[in-house]
C-alpha atoms as a PDB file:
ATOM      1  CA  MET A   1     -16.197  -5.530   2.572  1.00  0.00           C
ATOM      2  CA  ASN A   2     -13.779  -8.374   3.285  1.00  0.00           C
ATOM      3  CA  ILE A   3     -11.391  -8.415   6.264  1.00  0.00           C
ATOM      4  CA  GLY A   4      -7.949  -9.986   6.091  1.00  0.00           C
ATOM      5  CA  VAL A   5      -4.537 -10.080   7.752  1.00  0.00           C
ATOM      6  CA  SER A   6      -1.290  -8.816   6.201  1.00  0.00           C
ATOM      7  CA  THR A   7       1.834 -10.949   6.376  1.00  0.00           C
ATOM      8  CA  GLY A   8       3.462  -7.736   7.621  1.00  0.00           C
ATOM      9  CA  CYS A   9       1.688  -8.310  10.949  1.00  0.00           C
ATOM     10  CA  TYR A  10       4.122 -11.166  11.599  1.00  0.00           C
ATOM     11  CA  PHE A  11       7.380  -9.353  10.847  1.00  0.00           C
ATOM     12  CA  PRO A  12      10.268 -10.220  11.268  1.00  0.00           C
ATOM     13  CA  ARG A  13       9.299 -13.758  10.288  1.00  0.00           C
ATOM     14  CA  LYS A  14      10.067 -14.838   6.737  1.00  0.00           C
ATOM     15  CA  THR A  15       7.163 -14.068   4.446  1.00  0.00           C
ATOM     16  CA  ILE A  16       6.405 -17.744   3.776  1.00  0.00           C
ATOM     17  CA  ASP A  17       6.202 -18.405   7.520  1.00  0.00           C
ATOM     18  CA  ALA A  18       4.114 -15.257   8.013  1.00  0.00           C
ATOM     19  CA  LEU A  19       1.622 -16.439   5.398  1.00  0.00           C
ATOM     20  CA  LYS A  20       1.314 -19.746   7.259  1.00  0.00           C
ATOM     21  CA  PHE A  21       0.461 -17.801  10.412  1.00  0.00           C
ATOM     22  CA  VAL A  22      -2.181 -15.878   8.444  1.00  0.00           C
ATOM     23  CA  ALA A  23      -3.655 -19.218   7.360  1.00  0.00           C
ATOM     24  CA  GLU A  24      -3.822 -20.366  11.000  1.00  0.00           C
ATOM     25  CA  THR A  25      -5.991 -17.353  11.856  1.00  0.00           C
ATOM     26  CA  GLY A  26      -8.582 -18.526   9.351  1.00  0.00           C
ATOM     27  CA  ALA A  27      -8.321 -15.255   7.408  1.00  0.00           C
ATOM     28  CA  LYS A  28      -9.228 -15.591   3.733  1.00  0.00           C
ATOM     29  CA  TYR A  29      -7.671 -12.349   2.488  1.00  0.00           C
ATOM     30  CA  THR A  30      -4.133 -11.062   2.808  1.00  0.00           C
ATOM     31  CA  GLU A  31      -1.539  -8.573   1.647  1.00  0.00           C
ATOM     32  CA  ILE A  32       1.919  -9.966   0.941  1.00  0.00           C
ATOM     33  CA  PHE A  33       4.541  -7.724   2.521  1.00  0.00           C
ATOM     34  CA  PHE A  34       7.867  -8.662   0.958  1.00  0.00           C
ATOM     35  CA  ASN A  35      10.890  -8.262   3.220  1.00  0.00           C
ATOM     36  CA  THR A  36      13.875  -8.671   0.895  1.00  0.00           C
ATOM     37  CA  ASP A  37      14.916  -9.096  -2.721  1.00  0.00           C
ATOM     38  CA  SER A  38      15.358 -12.875  -2.538  1.00  0.00           C
ATOM     39  CA  GLU A  39      11.623 -13.213  -1.842  1.00  0.00           C
ATOM     40  CA  LEU A  40      10.939 -11.792  -5.305  1.00  0.00           C
ATOM     41  CA  ASN A  41      12.345 -14.942  -6.869  1.00  0.00           C
ATOM     42  CA  GLU A  42       9.543 -16.490  -8.928  1.00  0.00           C
ATOM     43  CA  GLU A  43      10.028 -19.905  -7.304  1.00  0.00           C
ATOM     44  CA  TYR A  44       9.570 -18.339  -3.866  1.00  0.00           C
ATOM     45  CA  ILE A  45       6.512 -16.422  -5.054  1.00  0.00           C
ATOM     46  CA  SER A  46       5.027 -19.632  -6.451  1.00  0.00           C
ATOM     47  CA  GLN A  47       5.436 -21.233  -3.020  1.00  0.00           C
ATOM     48  CA  LEU A  48       3.485 -18.335  -1.511  1.00  0.00           C
ATOM     49  CA  LYS A  49       0.759 -18.850  -4.093  1.00  0.00           C
ATOM     50  CA  SER A  50       0.578 -22.566  -3.273  1.00  0.00           C
ATOM     51  CA  ILE A  51       0.185 -21.860   0.457  1.00  0.00           C
ATOM     52  CA  ALA A  52      -2.538 -19.318  -0.269  1.00  0.00           C
ATOM     53  CA  ASP A  53      -4.404 -21.680  -2.586  1.00  0.00           C
ATOM     54  CA  GLU A  54      -4.170 -24.599  -0.169  1.00  0.00           C
ATOM     55  CA  ASN A  55      -5.778 -22.470   2.531  1.00  0.00           C
ATOM     56  CA  GLY A  56      -8.351 -20.688   0.403  1.00  0.00           C
ATOM     57  CA  ILE A  57      -6.650 -17.310   0.821  1.00  0.00           C
ATOM     58  CA  LYS A  58      -7.051 -14.543  -1.754  1.00  0.00           C
ATOM     59  CA  ILE A  59      -4.035 -12.229  -2.072  1.00  0.00           C
ATOM     60  CA  ILE A  60      -5.236  -8.664  -2.573  1.00  0.00           C
ATOM     61  CA  SER A  61      -2.041  -6.648  -2.756  1.00  0.00           C
ATOM     62  CA  VAL A  62       1.737  -6.597  -2.606  1.00  0.00           C
ATOM     63  CA  HIS A  63       3.709  -4.250  -0.360  1.00  0.00           C
ATOM     64  CA  PRO A  64       7.320  -3.546  -1.465  1.00  0.00           C
ATOM     65  CA  PHE A  65      10.153  -3.780   1.045  1.00  0.00           C
ATOM     66  CA  THR A  66      11.650  -0.808  -0.817  1.00  0.00           C
ATOM     67  CA  SER A  67       8.902   1.589   0.312  1.00  0.00           C
ATOM     68  CA  ALA A  68      11.251   3.512   2.573  1.00  0.00           C
ATOM     69  CA  ILE A  69      13.660   4.338  -0.267  1.00  0.00           C
ATOM     70  CA  GLU A  70      11.178   5.185  -3.018  1.00  0.00           C
ATOM     71  CA  THR A  71      12.157   8.848  -2.717  1.00  0.00           C
ATOM     72  CA  PHE A  72      15.703   7.983  -3.764  1.00  0.00           C
ATOM     73  CA  MET A  73      14.580   5.537  -6.440  1.00  0.00           C
ATOM     74  CA  PHE A  74      11.952   7.616  -8.226  1.00  0.00           C
ATOM     75  CA  TRP A  75      11.975  11.173  -6.892  1.00  0.00           C
ATOM     76  CA  SER A  76      15.619  12.069  -6.356  1.00  0.00           C
ATOM     77  CA  LYS A  77      17.436  14.744  -8.318  1.00  0.00           C
ATOM     78  CA  SER A  78      19.161  11.968 -10.279  1.00  0.00           C
ATOM     79  CA  ASP A  79      16.750  11.421 -13.157  1.00  0.00           C
ATOM     80  CA  TYR A  80      18.915   8.727 -14.716  1.00  0.00           C
ATOM     81  CA  LYS A  81      17.876   6.305 -11.929  1.00  0.00           C
ATOM     82  CA  LEU A  82      14.206   6.491 -12.808  1.00  0.00           C
ATOM     83  CA  GLU A  83      14.275   3.983 -15.667  1.00  0.00           C
ATOM     84  CA  ASP A  84      16.160   1.430 -13.566  1.00  0.00           C
ATOM     85  CA  SER A  85      13.789   1.933 -10.646  1.00  0.00           C
ATOM     86  CA  ILE A  86      10.684   1.394 -12.772  1.00  0.00           C
ATOM     87  CA  LYS A  87      12.308  -1.737 -14.171  1.00  0.00           C
ATOM     88  CA  TYR A  88      12.997  -2.978 -10.622  1.00  0.00           C
ATOM     89  CA  TYR A  89       9.339  -2.492  -9.671  1.00  0.00           C
ATOM     90  CA  GLU A  90       8.381  -4.772 -12.525  1.00  0.00           C
ATOM     91  CA  LYS A  91       9.458  -7.531 -10.111  1.00  0.00           C
ATOM     92  CA  TYR A  92       6.550  -6.563  -7.875  1.00  0.00           C
ATOM     93  CA  PHE A  93       4.168  -6.348 -10.825  1.00  0.00           C
ATOM     94  CA  ARG A  94       5.226  -9.820 -11.936  1.00  0.00           C
ATOM     95  CA  ALA A  95       4.755 -11.056  -8.348  1.00  0.00           C
ATOM     96  CA  CYS A  96       1.194  -9.758  -8.494  1.00  0.00           C
ATOM     97  CA  GLN A  97       0.570 -11.696 -11.685  1.00  0.00           C
ATOM     98  CA  ILE A  98       1.738 -14.948 -10.084  1.00  0.00           C
ATOM     99  CA  LEU A  99      -0.104 -14.329  -6.814  1.00  0.00           C
ATOM    100  CA  GLY A 100      -3.333 -13.117  -8.403  1.00  0.00           C
ATOM    101  CA  ALA A 101      -3.017  -9.749  -6.644  1.00  0.00           C
ATOM    102  CA  LYS A 102      -4.182  -6.514  -8.246  1.00  0.00           C
ATOM    103  CA  TYR A 103      -2.424  -3.772  -6.286  1.00  0.00           C
ATOM    104  CA  VAL A 104       1.112  -2.642  -5.452  1.00  0.00           C
ATOM    105  CA  VAL A 105       1.237  -0.281  -2.473  1.00  0.00           C
ATOM    106  CA  ILE A 106       3.352   2.865  -2.828  1.00  0.00           C
ATOM    107  CA  HIS A 107       4.544   5.179  -0.046  1.00  0.00           C
ATOM    108  CA  GLY A 108       6.100   7.612  -2.488  1.00  0.00           C
ATOM    109  CA  CYS A 109       8.238  10.673  -1.835  1.00  0.00           C
ATOM    110  CA  TYR A 110       9.204  12.154   1.518  1.00  0.00           C
ATOM    111  CA  SER A 111       7.369  15.375   2.343  1.00  0.00           C
ATOM    112  CA  SER A 112      10.763  16.891   3.212  1.00  0.00           C
ATOM    113  CA  ALA A 113      11.759  16.751  -0.490  1.00  0.00           C
ATOM    114  CA  GLU A 114      10.717  20.336  -1.095  1.00  0.00           C
ATOM    115  CA  TYR A 115      12.338  20.343  -4.542  1.00  0.00           C
ATOM    116  CA  MET A 116       9.631  17.949  -5.751  1.00  0.00           C
ATOM    117  CA  SER A 117       6.294  19.649  -6.421  1.00  0.00           C
ATOM    118  CA  MET A 118       3.116  17.621  -6.264  1.00  0.00           C
ATOM    119  CA  GLU A 119       2.683  18.049 -10.019  1.00  0.00           C
ATOM    120  CA  ASP A 120       6.155  16.603 -10.664  1.00  0.00           C
ATOM    121  CA  TYR A 121       5.657  13.933  -8.025  1.00  0.00           C
ATOM    122  CA  THR A 122       2.458  12.751  -9.647  1.00  0.00           C
ATOM    123  CA  ARG A 123       3.891  12.927 -13.167  1.00  0.00           C
ATOM    124  CA  ILE A 124       6.524  10.369 -12.165  1.00  0.00           C
ATOM    125  CA  LEU A 125       4.040   8.208 -10.283  1.00  0.00           C
ATOM    126  CA  ASN A 126       1.879   8.146 -13.414  1.00  0.00           C
ATOM    127  CA  LEU A 127       4.804   6.663 -15.333  1.00  0.00           C
ATOM    128  CA  LEU A 128       5.053   3.882 -12.763  1.00  0.00           C
ATOM    129  CA  SER A 129       1.294   3.375 -12.864  1.00  0.00           C
ATOM    130  CA  ARG A 130       1.281   3.018 -16.649  1.00  0.00           C
ATOM    131  CA  LYS A 131       3.978   0.354 -16.438  1.00  0.00           C
ATOM    132  CA  ALA A 132       1.946  -1.472 -13.777  1.00  0.00           C
ATOM    133  CA  ARG A 133      -1.101  -1.478 -16.050  1.00  0.00           C
ATOM    134  CA  GLU A 134       0.918  -3.391 -18.646  1.00  0.00           C
ATOM    135  CA  TYR A 135       0.842  -6.226 -16.086  1.00  0.00           C
ATOM    136  CA  ASP A 136      -2.870  -5.684 -15.337  1.00  0.00           C
ATOM    137  CA  VAL A 137      -1.850  -4.319 -11.943  1.00  0.00           C
ATOM    138  CA  TYR A 138      -2.734  -1.019 -10.242  1.00  0.00           C
ATOM    139  CA  ILE A 139      -0.553   1.324  -8.219  1.00  0.00           C
ATOM    140  CA  SER A 140      -2.213   2.087  -4.879  1.00  0.00           C
ATOM    141  CA  GLN A 141      -0.966   5.229  -3.134  1.00  0.00           C
ATOM    142  CA  GLU A 142      -0.953   4.994   0.657  1.00  0.00           C
ATOM    143  CA  ASN A 143      -1.250   7.946   3.022  1.00  0.00           C
ATOM    144  CA  VAL A 144       1.896   7.685   5.159  1.00  0.00           C
ATOM    145  CA  VAL A 145       3.214  10.146   7.733  1.00  0.00           C
ATOM    146  CA  LYS A 146       6.319  12.058   6.570  1.00  0.00           C
ATOM    147  CA  PHE A 147       5.480  11.236   2.938  1.00  0.00           C
ATOM    148  CA  LYS A 148       3.818  13.713   0.603  1.00  0.00           C
ATOM    149  CA  CYS A 149       0.515  11.876   0.300  1.00  0.00           C
ATOM    150  CA  GLY A 150       0.194  11.559   4.053  1.00  0.00           C
ATOM    151  CA  TYR A 151      -1.256  15.073   4.156  1.00  0.00           C
ATOM    152  CA  ILE A 152      -4.614  16.363   2.996  1.00  0.00           C
ATOM    153  CA  GLN A 153      -3.331  19.464   1.186  1.00  0.00           C
ATOM    154  CA  ASN A 154      -1.030  17.287  -0.930  1.00  0.00           C
ATOM    155  CA  LEU A 155      -3.683  14.641  -1.556  1.00  0.00           C
ATOM    156  CA  LYS A 156      -5.940  17.316  -3.047  1.00  0.00           C
ATOM    157  CA  GLN A 157      -3.261  18.180  -5.600  1.00  0.00           C
ATOM    158  CA  PHE A 158      -2.436  14.519  -6.170  1.00  0.00           C
ATOM    159  CA  ILE A 159      -6.038  13.791  -7.156  1.00  0.00           C
ATOM    160  CA  GLU A 160      -5.924  16.679  -9.613  1.00  0.00           C
ATOM    161  CA  TYR A 161      -2.842  15.332 -11.430  1.00  0.00           C
ATOM    162  CA  ALA A 162      -2.978  11.548 -10.998  1.00  0.00           C
ATOM    163  CA  ASP A 163      -4.155   9.162 -13.701  1.00  0.00           C
ATOM    164  CA  LYS A 164      -7.616   7.780 -12.968  1.00  0.00           C
ATOM    165  CA  ASP A 165      -6.077   4.287 -12.844  1.00  0.00           C
ATOM    166  CA  VAL A 166      -4.143   5.170  -9.668  1.00  0.00           C
ATOM    167  CA  LYS A 167      -5.851   3.799  -6.547  1.00  0.00           C
ATOM    168  CA  PHE A 168      -5.503   4.514  -2.820  1.00  0.00           C
ATOM    169  CA  VAL A 169      -4.742   2.594   0.359  1.00  0.00           C
ATOM    170  CA  PHE A 170      -6.273   4.316   3.357  1.00  0.00           C
ATOM    171  CA  ASP A 171      -4.143   3.735   6.460  1.00  0.00           C
ATOM    172  CA  LEU A 172      -5.887   4.810   9.644  1.00  0.00           C
ATOM    173  CA  LYS A 173      -2.797   4.603  11.856  1.00  0.00           C
ATOM    174  CA  GLN A 174      -0.754   6.736   9.468  1.00  0.00           C
ATOM    175  CA  ALA A 175      -3.501   9.370   9.269  1.00  0.00           C
ATOM    176  CA  VAL A 176      -3.571   9.612  13.062  1.00  0.00           C
ATOM    177  CA  ARG A 177       0.213   9.852  13.278  1.00  0.00           C
ATOM    178  CA  ALA A 178       0.172  12.649  10.692  1.00  0.00           C
ATOM    179  CA  GLN A 179      -2.567  14.402  12.725  1.00  0.00           C
ATOM    180  CA  GLN A 180      -4.925  14.410   9.752  1.00  0.00           C
ATOM    181  CA  ASN A 181      -8.707  14.119   9.773  1.00  0.00           C
ATOM    182  CA  ILE A 182      -9.347  10.475   8.918  1.00  0.00           C
ATOM    183  CA  TYR A 183     -12.816  11.115   7.507  1.00  0.00           C
ATOM    184  CA  GLU A 184     -11.627  13.925   5.238  1.00  0.00           C
ATOM    185  CA  ILE A 185      -8.949  11.642   3.797  1.00  0.00           C
ATOM    186  CA  ILE A 186     -11.534   8.932   3.142  1.00  0.00           C
ATOM    187  CA  ASP A 187     -13.771  11.490   1.452  1.00  0.00           C
ATOM    188  CA  LEU A 188     -10.909  12.588  -0.802  1.00  0.00           C
ATOM    189  CA  MET A 189      -9.957   9.042  -1.762  1.00  0.00           C
ATOM    190  CA  ALA A 190     -13.619   8.171  -2.341  1.00  0.00           C
ATOM    191  CA  ASP A 191     -14.277   5.322  -4.772  1.00  0.00           C
ATOM    192  CA  ARG A 192     -10.567   4.913  -5.571  1.00  0.00           C
ATOM    193  CA  ILE A 193      -9.825   3.138  -2.262  1.00  0.00           C
ATOM    194  CA  SER A 194      -8.506  -0.332  -3.097  1.00  0.00           C
ATOM    195  CA  HIS A 195      -8.198  -1.452   0.518  1.00  0.00           C
ATOM    196  CA  ILE A 196      -7.740  -0.229   4.083  1.00  0.00           C
ATOM    197  CA  HIS A 197      -4.964  -0.737   6.603  1.00  0.00           C
ATOM    198  CA  ILE A 198      -7.127  -0.853   9.694  1.00  0.00           C
ATOM    199  CA  SER A 199      -6.089  -0.313  13.309  1.00  0.00           C
ATOM    200  CA  ASP A 200      -7.356   1.675  16.293  1.00  0.00           C
ATOM    201  CA  TYR A 201      -6.127   4.372  18.641  1.00  0.00           C
ATOM    202  CA  ASN A 202      -6.763   6.197  21.883  1.00  0.00           C
ATOM    203  CA  GLU A 203      -4.831   8.554  24.154  1.00  0.00           C
ATOM    204  CA  TYR A 204      -2.397   5.767  25.036  1.00  0.00           C
ATOM    205  CA  GLY A 205      -1.416   4.557  21.572  1.00  0.00           C
ATOM    206  CA  ASN A 206      -2.051   4.785  17.823  1.00  0.00           C
ATOM    207  CA  SER A 207      -1.405   1.214  16.761  1.00  0.00           C
ATOM    208  CA  LEU A 208      -4.046  -0.740  18.656  1.00  0.00           C
ATOM    209  CA  LEU A 209      -6.039  -3.729  17.511  1.00  0.00           C
ATOM    210  CA  PRO A 210      -9.380  -2.798  15.923  1.00  0.00           C
ATOM    211  CA  GLY A 211     -12.025  -2.396  18.593  1.00  0.00           C
ATOM    212  CA  LYS A 212      -9.499  -1.641  21.336  1.00  0.00           C
ATOM    213  CA  GLY A 213      -9.567   2.130  20.881  1.00  0.00           C
ATOM    214  CA  GLU A 214     -11.982   4.948  20.191  1.00  0.00           C
ATOM    215  CA  VAL A 215     -12.484   4.713  16.433  1.00  0.00           C
ATOM    216  CA  ASP A 216     -16.082   4.388  15.280  1.00  0.00           C
ATOM    217  CA  LEU A 217     -15.354   1.454  12.979  1.00  0.00           C
ATOM    218  CA  LYS A 218     -18.949   1.192  11.767  1.00  0.00           C
ATOM    219  CA  LYS A 219     -18.875   4.822  10.629  1.00  0.00           C
ATOM    220  CA  LEU A 220     -15.463   4.355   9.025  1.00  0.00           C
ATOM    221  CA  PHE A 221     -16.510   1.255   7.081  1.00  0.00           C
ATOM    222  CA  CYS A 222     -19.745   2.877   5.950  1.00  0.00           C
ATOM    223  CA  LEU A 223     -17.875   5.909   4.605  1.00  0.00           C
ATOM    224  CA  CYS A 224     -15.362   3.728   2.773  1.00  0.00           C
ATOM    225  CA  LEU A 225     -18.134   1.651   1.208  1.00  0.00           C
ATOM    226  CA  LYS A 226     -20.081   4.792   0.323  1.00  0.00           C
ATOM    227  CA  GLY A 227     -17.046   6.060  -1.590  1.00  0.00           C
END
């Protein structure tokens, strides 16, 4: 298991500046968290790649800045937007190609969208996943509070319907916020976990630095590796 630092840890700095901060930590693995459309310009992405290469950093994944509106892009009642939305996400897939990353993180559809069953949700996600595979990239579904896949009962259905190519990001903080059993989620995701968003928690907060709370990190890592 390799440990890295996401550029998202340095928000609201520009992503290029955030990556430089990652380099200063000595971390050799990172996730690029894009903040705005202009950062998806291929020249900008190439600059990110140069910084990573100069500092011996491997970019594992890309996190879209559009995560919060994916419900309206892919899972709204307006089906005609779907084709345009998939085409827009090709920008992220192309970014992965340039950066050498393999995964695009997806939050998905709000759990409040009761009109969208898990079968229909996953059917649409599979379409996005198949487009990603054309770029040799994987979709990685994250468990996020207030989103459908933030909850165990929905994850069980998701696994039933999702293409085997779809991966998972396990986010400890989000599992705690959703009041879900973190070990049960890990067990469900099993060997499809692409990477982990690690943090810690205790009675005073749920977004602590690893080792500053009550999580048994050794147990957590062992379970993830076992999967």
